[in-house]
Amino acid sequence: MAFEKINGTAFADIAKLSGVASADIAKFNGSDPPSSTPTIVTDNLFCWFGPDDVTGSTANDKNGGSVGAVMSNGASVVTSLRSDGSFYSDGVNDKILATFSSSQLPSTTTWPATIEAWMYPSNGGNNLCILTINDDNSPVDWLRLMLDKRNNNEITYHQFYSKHGGYYQWVKRDVDFPTVNGSDWVYMSATFELVNSRTLITGYINGTAVGTATTSFTFSNEPPWANQNTPLNVGINYMTKVYRGSRLQSYYGQSHMGDVRIYTDKLTAAEILNNYNVQKTSYGH
């Protein structure tokens, strides 16, 4: 402390003697000041499940939450695609499901929101990668990210289906799923926000926006967790209790999936790109 205030002169002032900036002093003997390493955005992060944090048959919430995603009927973590593992489901009846009770729901009941997932479609008859968030008491209220190869097409969906039924909107692309450095892993994300009483969806693939869509309806434009009295389901390669037309059914995806995250806020384009860049190397990009 005495050195820093020689003759009453603060250290910051000493650093400026003869025009020498403190940043240059930090480089003395070739040493650069430490730089911060980018990390996953955690502000307003509700839950985060990854195949590298599993206890028994349960994927733990990497955000520190108490609810895990339970793997059942044969769903598992495998390391055939990446050293940190991937969630694998056979497309028959495998389930990876986290259920949040009414007391564990996000406190916010309005948009915006962001969902994201790493997906790796497999070859097979039920070739789907699905991340679904739905109100357990309302089978027609859900958000979804999906890669669909069932009909020899490659279709991406970023979708919102309203709880009043029969009303939905998606950003859909009929494209060849992109490969990066020979890796078939795809990082999908979507933001949902209320604009002029309608929900605006913006879809992203590998950190880049690919399109937008706005709902044609003005009622019930709220997230699935808006009903604070019923549980919330988060399905990985599993879509539970949803209506297609008048039929109540479940979807089972045959594919690999990696980290999935849900935010109760809209991530900026820069934040979505940051999350992609933080994890892309571990997914072969």
Protein backbone atom coordinates (compact mmCIF):
# COMPACT_ATOMS: atom_id res chain seq x y z
CA MET A 1 0.00 0.00 0.00
CA ALA A 2 2.89 2.37 0.84
CA PHE A 3 4.48 1.77 -2.58
CA GLU A 4 1.20 2.47 -4.33
CA LYS A 5 1.02 5.89 -2.78
CA ILE A 6 4.60 7.14 -2.95
CA ASN A 7 4.49 10.81 -2.08
CA GLY A 8 0.71 10.65 -2.32
CA THR A 9 0.77 9.48 -5.94
CA ALA A 10 -1.73 6.69 -6.73
CA PHE A 11 -0.50 3.61 -8.58
CA ALA A 12 -2.81 4.33 -11.50
CA ASP A 13 -1.05 7.69 -11.91
CA ILE A 14 2.39 6.11 -11.73
CA ALA A 15 1.33 3.81 -14.55
CA LYS A 16 0.79 6.84 -16.73
CA LEU A 17 4.28 8.30 -16.18
CA SER A 18 6.00 9.10 -19.47
CA GLY A 19 2.82 8.13 -21.34
CA VAL A 20 3.02 4.44 -20.42
CA ALA A 21 -0.48 2.93 -20.26
CA SER A 22 -1.34 0.37 -17.60
CA ALA A 23 -2.18 -2.15 -20.36
CA ASP A 24 1.41 -1.87 -21.58
CA ILE A 25 2.73 -2.39 -18.06
CA ALA A 26 0.67 -5.61 -17.93
CA LYS A 27 2.70 -6.81 -20.93
CA PHE A 28 6.01 -6.38 -19.11
CA ASN A 29 8.28 -9.34 -19.91
CA GLY A 30 5.84 -10.44 -22.63
CA SER A 31 2.95 -11.09 -20.28
CA ASP A 32 -0.54 -10.15 -21.57
CA PRO A 33 -3.38 -9.40 -19.14
CA PRO A 34 -5.70 -12.39 -18.68
CA SER A 35 -8.71 -12.52 -21.01
CA SER A 36 -12.10 -13.85 -20.01
CA THR A 37 -13.27 -17.13 -21.52
CA PRO A 38 -16.79 -17.04 -23.02
CA THR A 39 -19.35 -19.12 -21.15
CA ILE A 40 -22.96 -20.18 -21.67
CA VAL A 41 -25.42 -17.37 -20.96
CA THR A 42 -27.06 -18.04 -17.59
CA ASP A 43 -29.24 -14.96 -17.07
CA ASN A 44 -32.90 -16.11 -16.97
CA LEU A 45 -31.85 -19.72 -17.64
CA PHE A 46 -34.66 -21.95 -16.35
CA CYS A 47 -33.12 -25.38 -16.97
CA TRP A 48 -30.21 -27.00 -18.79
CA PHE A 49 -29.87 -30.74 -19.39
CA GLY A 50 -26.73 -32.24 -20.88
CA PRO A 51 -25.49 -35.81 -21.44
CA ASP A 52 -22.26 -35.04 -19.57
CA ASP A 53 -24.03 -34.58 -16.21
CA VAL A 54 -25.99 -37.74 -15.43
CA THR A 55 -26.57 -39.67 -12.23
CA GLY A 56 -27.86 -43.18 -12.87
CA SER A 57 -30.81 -42.80 -15.26
CA THR A 58 -31.34 -39.10 -14.55
CA ALA A 59 -29.83 -36.13 -16.38
CA ASN A 60 -29.17 -33.46 -13.79
CA ASP A 61 -30.05 -29.81 -14.27
CA LYS A 62 -26.71 -28.17 -15.06
CA ASN A 63 -28.23 -24.87 -13.96
CA GLY A 64 -28.46 -26.20 -10.41
CA GLY A 65 -32.19 -26.97 -10.35
CA SER A 66 -33.62 -29.88 -8.39
CA VAL A 67 -35.60 -31.46 -11.28
CA GLY A 68 -33.83 -33.97 -13.51
CA ALA A 69 -34.72 -35.47 -16.88
CA VAL A 70 -35.45 -39.17 -16.32
CA MET A 71 -34.41 -41.67 -18.99
CA SER A 72 -36.68 -44.72 -19.22
CA ASN A 73 -37.63 -47.69 -21.45
CA GLY A 74 -34.07 -47.95 -22.76
CA ALA A 75 -33.17 -44.30 -23.36
CA SER A 76 -29.53 -43.76 -22.42
CA VAL A 77 -26.37 -41.73 -22.81
CA VAL A 78 -23.90 -43.10 -25.35
CA THR A 79 -20.41 -41.95 -26.32
CA SER A 80 -20.29 -43.23 -29.89
CA LEU A 81 -20.60 -39.72 -31.38
CA ARG A 82 -18.77 -37.50 -28.89
CA SER A 83 -16.65 -38.01 -25.79
CA ASP A 84 -19.06 -35.99 -23.63
CA GLY A 85 -21.89 -38.27 -24.72
CA SER A 86 -25.30 -37.83 -26.30
CA PHE A 87 -28.83 -38.76 -25.32
CA TYR A 88 -30.01 -41.64 -27.51
CA SER A 89 -33.58 -42.89 -28.06
CA ASP A 90 -34.68 -45.74 -30.33
CA GLY A 91 -37.89 -44.13 -31.64
CA VAL A 92 -40.10 -46.92 -30.28
CA ASN A 93 -40.95 -46.08 -26.68
CA ASP A 94 -37.85 -44.53 -25.14
CA LYS A 95 -38.51 -41.49 -22.95
CA ILE A 96 -36.36 -38.69 -21.59
CA LEU A 97 -38.69 -36.52 -19.57
CA ALA A 98 -38.44 -33.79 -16.93
CA THR A 99 -41.65 -32.86 -15.15
CA PHE A 100 -41.80 -29.68 -13.10
CA SER A 101 -44.52 -29.40 -10.47
CA SER A 102 -46.57 -26.23 -10.17
CA SER A 103 -44.33 -25.04 -7.34
CA GLN A 104 -41.23 -25.44 -9.52
CA LEU A 105 -42.40 -23.42 -12.53
CA PRO A 106 -40.79 -20.18 -13.68
CA SER A 107 -42.29 -17.21 -11.88
CA THR A 108 -42.89 -15.35 -15.13
CA THR A 109 -46.12 -16.15 -17.02
CA THR A 110 -45.50 -14.13 -20.17
CA TRP A 111 -43.20 -14.10 -23.15
CA PRO A 112 -40.38 -13.72 -24.09
CA ALA A 113 -38.63 -17.09 -24.03
CA THR A 114 -35.81 -18.95 -25.77
CA ILE A 115 -35.29 -22.69 -26.30
CA GLU A 116 -32.23 -24.38 -27.79
CA ALA A 117 -30.86 -27.85 -28.39
CA TRP A 118 -28.06 -29.74 -30.11
CA MET A 119 -29.53 -32.39 -32.41
CA TYR A 120 -28.12 -35.26 -34.47
CA PRO A 121 -30.63 -37.07 -36.70
CA SER A 122 -30.10 -40.80 -37.11
CA ASN A 123 -31.00 -43.05 -40.00
CA GLY A 124 -34.19 -45.01 -39.46
CA GLY A 125 -37.92 -45.13 -39.90
CA ASN A 126 -38.78 -42.77 -37.04
CA ASN A 127 -35.93 -40.35 -37.62
CA LEU A 128 -36.82 -37.39 -35.43
CA CYS A 129 -34.99 -35.08 -33.07
CA ILE A 130 -37.49 -33.37 -30.77
CA LEU A 131 -37.36 -30.93 -27.88
CA THR A 132 -40.85 -30.25 -26.54
CA ILE A 133 -42.13 -28.08 -23.69
CA ASN A 134 -45.79 -28.48 -22.80
CA ASP A 135 -48.35 -27.82 -20.08
CA ASP A 136 -49.19 -31.26 -18.67
CA ASN A 137 -52.85 -30.30 -18.31
CA SER A 138 -53.25 -28.83 -21.79
CA PRO A 139 -52.25 -31.17 -24.65
CA VAL A 140 -52.59 -28.39 -27.21
CA ASP A 141 -50.16 -25.97 -25.60
CA TRP A 142 -46.54 -26.55 -26.51
CA LEU A 143 -43.27 -25.28 -27.93
CA ARG A 144 -41.14 -27.47 -30.14
CA LEU A 145 -37.82 -27.71 -31.93
CA MET A 146 -37.59 -30.60 -34.38
CA LEU A 147 -35.46 -32.09 -37.14
CA ASP A 148 -37.59 -34.43 -39.26
CA LYS A 149 -36.18 -36.93 -41.79
CA ARG A 150 -39.04 -39.45 -41.79
CA ASN A 151 -40.22 -38.86 -45.36
CA ASN A 152 -36.84 -38.54 -47.06
CA ASN A 153 -37.00 -34.80 -46.51
CA GLU A 154 -34.95 -32.71 -44.12
CA ILE A 155 -37.33 -30.31 -42.36
CA THR A 156 -36.60 -28.06 -39.43
CA TYR A 157 -39.38 -26.77 -37.19
CA HIS A 158 -39.37 -23.96 -34.64
CA GLN A 159 -42.98 -24.14 -33.49
CA PHE A 160 -45.57 -22.70 -31.08
CA TYR A 161 -48.98 -24.35 -30.67
CA SER A 162 -51.63 -22.46 -28.70
CA LYS A 163 -53.47 -23.96 -25.76
CA HIS A 164 -56.86 -23.24 -27.30
CA GLY A 165 -56.17 -25.84 -29.98
CA GLY A 166 -56.05 -25.76 -33.73
CA TYR A 167 -53.87 -22.66 -33.84
CA TYR A 168 -50.17 -22.90 -34.40
CA GLN A 169 -47.29 -21.19 -36.13
CA TRP A 170 -43.84 -22.31 -37.13
CA VAL A 171 -40.66 -21.28 -38.83
CA LYS A 172 -40.17 -24.21 -41.19
CA ARG A 173 -37.37 -24.88 -43.62
CA ASP A 174 -37.15 -27.66 -46.19
CA VAL A 175 -33.37 -27.79 -46.43
CA ASP A 176 -30.45 -30.14 -46.34
CA PHE A 177 -29.39 -30.24 -42.71
CA PRO A 178 -26.10 -28.35 -42.56
CA THR A 179 -22.79 -30.04 -41.78
CA VAL A 180 -19.84 -28.19 -40.29
CA ASN A 181 -16.33 -29.66 -40.55
CA GLY A 182 -17.99 -32.95 -41.47
CA SER A 183 -20.11 -32.97 -38.29
CA ASP A 184 -23.85 -33.66 -38.61
CA TRP A 185 -24.66 -32.07 -35.25
CA VAL A 186 -27.08 -29.14 -35.61
CA TYR A 187 -27.54 -26.41 -33.01
CA MET A 188 -31.15 -25.26 -33.14
CA SER A 189 -32.69 -22.40 -31.18
CA ALA A 190 -35.77 -20.21 -31.25
CA THR A 191 -36.92 -17.05 -29.52
CA PHE A 192 -40.55 -16.22 -28.76
CA GLU A 193 -41.71 -12.68 -28.04
CA LEU A 194 -44.99 -10.76 -28.01
CA VAL A 195 -45.28 -8.10 -30.71
CA ASN A 196 -48.59 -6.28 -31.20
CA SER A 197 -50.45 -9.01 -29.27
CA ARG A 198 -49.03 -11.76 -31.50
CA THR A 199 -46.17 -14.15 -30.90
CA LEU A 200 -43.12 -13.58 -33.09
CA ILE A 201 -40.91 -16.65 -33.52
CA THR A 202 -37.33 -16.30 -34.76
CA GLY A 203 -35.55 -19.52 -35.72
CA TYR A 204 -31.79 -20.06 -35.64
CA ILE A 205 -29.54 -22.82 -36.95
CA ASN A 206 -25.92 -23.00 -35.83
CA GLY A 207 -26.15 -19.53 -34.34
CA THR A 208 -27.53 -17.84 -37.46
CA ALA A 209 -31.11 -16.62 -37.88
CA VAL A 210 -32.93 -18.51 -40.66
CA GLY A 211 -36.41 -16.98 -40.58
CA THR A 212 -39.31 -15.56 -38.60
CA ALA A 213 -43.02 -16.20 -38.30
CA THR A 214 -45.82 -14.36 -36.52
CA THR A 215 -48.95 -16.03 -35.17
CA SER A 216 -52.19 -15.23 -36.95
CA PHE A 217 -54.13 -15.37 -33.66
CA THR A 218 -54.13 -12.81 -30.85
CA PHE A 219 -55.43 -14.90 -27.93
CA SER A 220 -53.50 -17.17 -25.61
CA ASN A 221 -50.15 -15.93 -26.82
CA GLU A 222 -48.37 -17.08 -23.69
CA PRO A 223 -45.79 -19.76 -22.84
CA PRO A 224 -46.78 -23.27 -21.68
CA TRP A 225 -45.73 -22.47 -18.12
CA ALA A 226 -48.26 -19.60 -17.88
CA ASN A 227 -50.72 -21.90 -16.09
CA GLN A 228 -49.13 -21.89 -12.64
CA ASN A 229 -51.45 -24.63 -11.32
CA THR A 230 -50.37 -27.58 -13.48
CA PRO A 231 -47.06 -29.37 -14.10
CA LEU A 232 -44.76 -28.62 -17.04
CA ASN A 233 -43.15 -31.32 -19.20
CA VAL A 234 -39.82 -31.04 -20.97
CA GLY A 235 -39.34 -33.94 -23.37
CA ILE A 236 -36.04 -34.83 -25.06
CA ASN A 237 -36.70 -37.02 -28.11
CA TYR A 238 -40.13 -37.49 -26.60
CA MET A 239 -43.31 -35.50 -27.06
CA THR A 240 -46.05 -36.32 -24.60
CA LYS A 241 -49.78 -35.63 -24.44
CA VAL A 242 -50.24 -33.54 -27.58
CA TYR A 243 -53.14 -33.32 -29.96
CA ARG A 244 -52.78 -33.72 -33.70
CA GLY A 245 -56.22 -32.85 -34.99
CA SER A 246 -58.59 -34.68 -32.63
CA ARG A 247 -56.14 -37.42 -31.62
CA LEU A 248 -54.17 -37.40 -28.38
CA GLN A 249 -50.81 -39.02 -29.00
CA SER A 250 -47.12 -39.12 -28.15
CA TYR A 251 -44.09 -38.83 -30.41
CA TYR A 252 -40.90 -40.85 -30.00
CA GLY A 253 -37.77 -39.71 -31.79
CA GLN A 254 -35.06 -42.02 -33.09
CA SER A 255 -31.92 -39.93 -32.81
CA HIS A 256 -29.18 -38.45 -30.69
CA MET A 257 -29.45 -35.18 -28.80
CA GLY A 258 -27.02 -33.11 -26.77
CA ASP A 259 -27.42 -30.11 -24.48
CA VAL A 260 -30.87 -28.52 -24.23
CA ARG A 261 -31.71 -25.23 -22.52
CA ILE A 262 -34.83 -23.17 -21.76
CA TYR A 263 -34.74 -19.46 -20.95
CA THR A 264 -37.55 -17.28 -19.67
CA ASP A 265 -36.28 -14.36 -21.71
CA LYS A 266 -35.33 -13.60 -25.29
CA LEU A 267 -31.64 -14.15 -25.96
CA THR A 268 -30.13 -11.66 -28.36
CA ALA A 269 -28.64 -12.83 -31.64
CA ALA A 270 -25.20 -12.23 -30.13
CA GLU A 271 -26.03 -14.37 -27.07
CA ILE A 272 -27.31 -17.23 -29.24
CA LEU A 273 -24.15 -17.08 -31.33
CA ASN A 274 -22.11 -17.01 -28.12
CA ASN A 275 -23.77 -20.21 -26.84
CA TYR A 276 -23.06 -21.87 -30.18
CA ASN A 277 -19.43 -20.79 -30.15
CA VAL A 278 -18.91 -21.95 -26.55
CA GLN A 279 -19.96 -25.53 -27.35
CA LYS A 280 -19.31 -25.98 -31.06
CA THR A 281 -15.89 -27.58 -30.70
CA SER A 282 -17.25 -30.33 -28.44
CA TYR A 283 -19.82 -31.10 -31.15
CA GLY A 284 -17.22 -31.29 -33.91
CA HIS A 285 -17.86 -27.86 -35.47
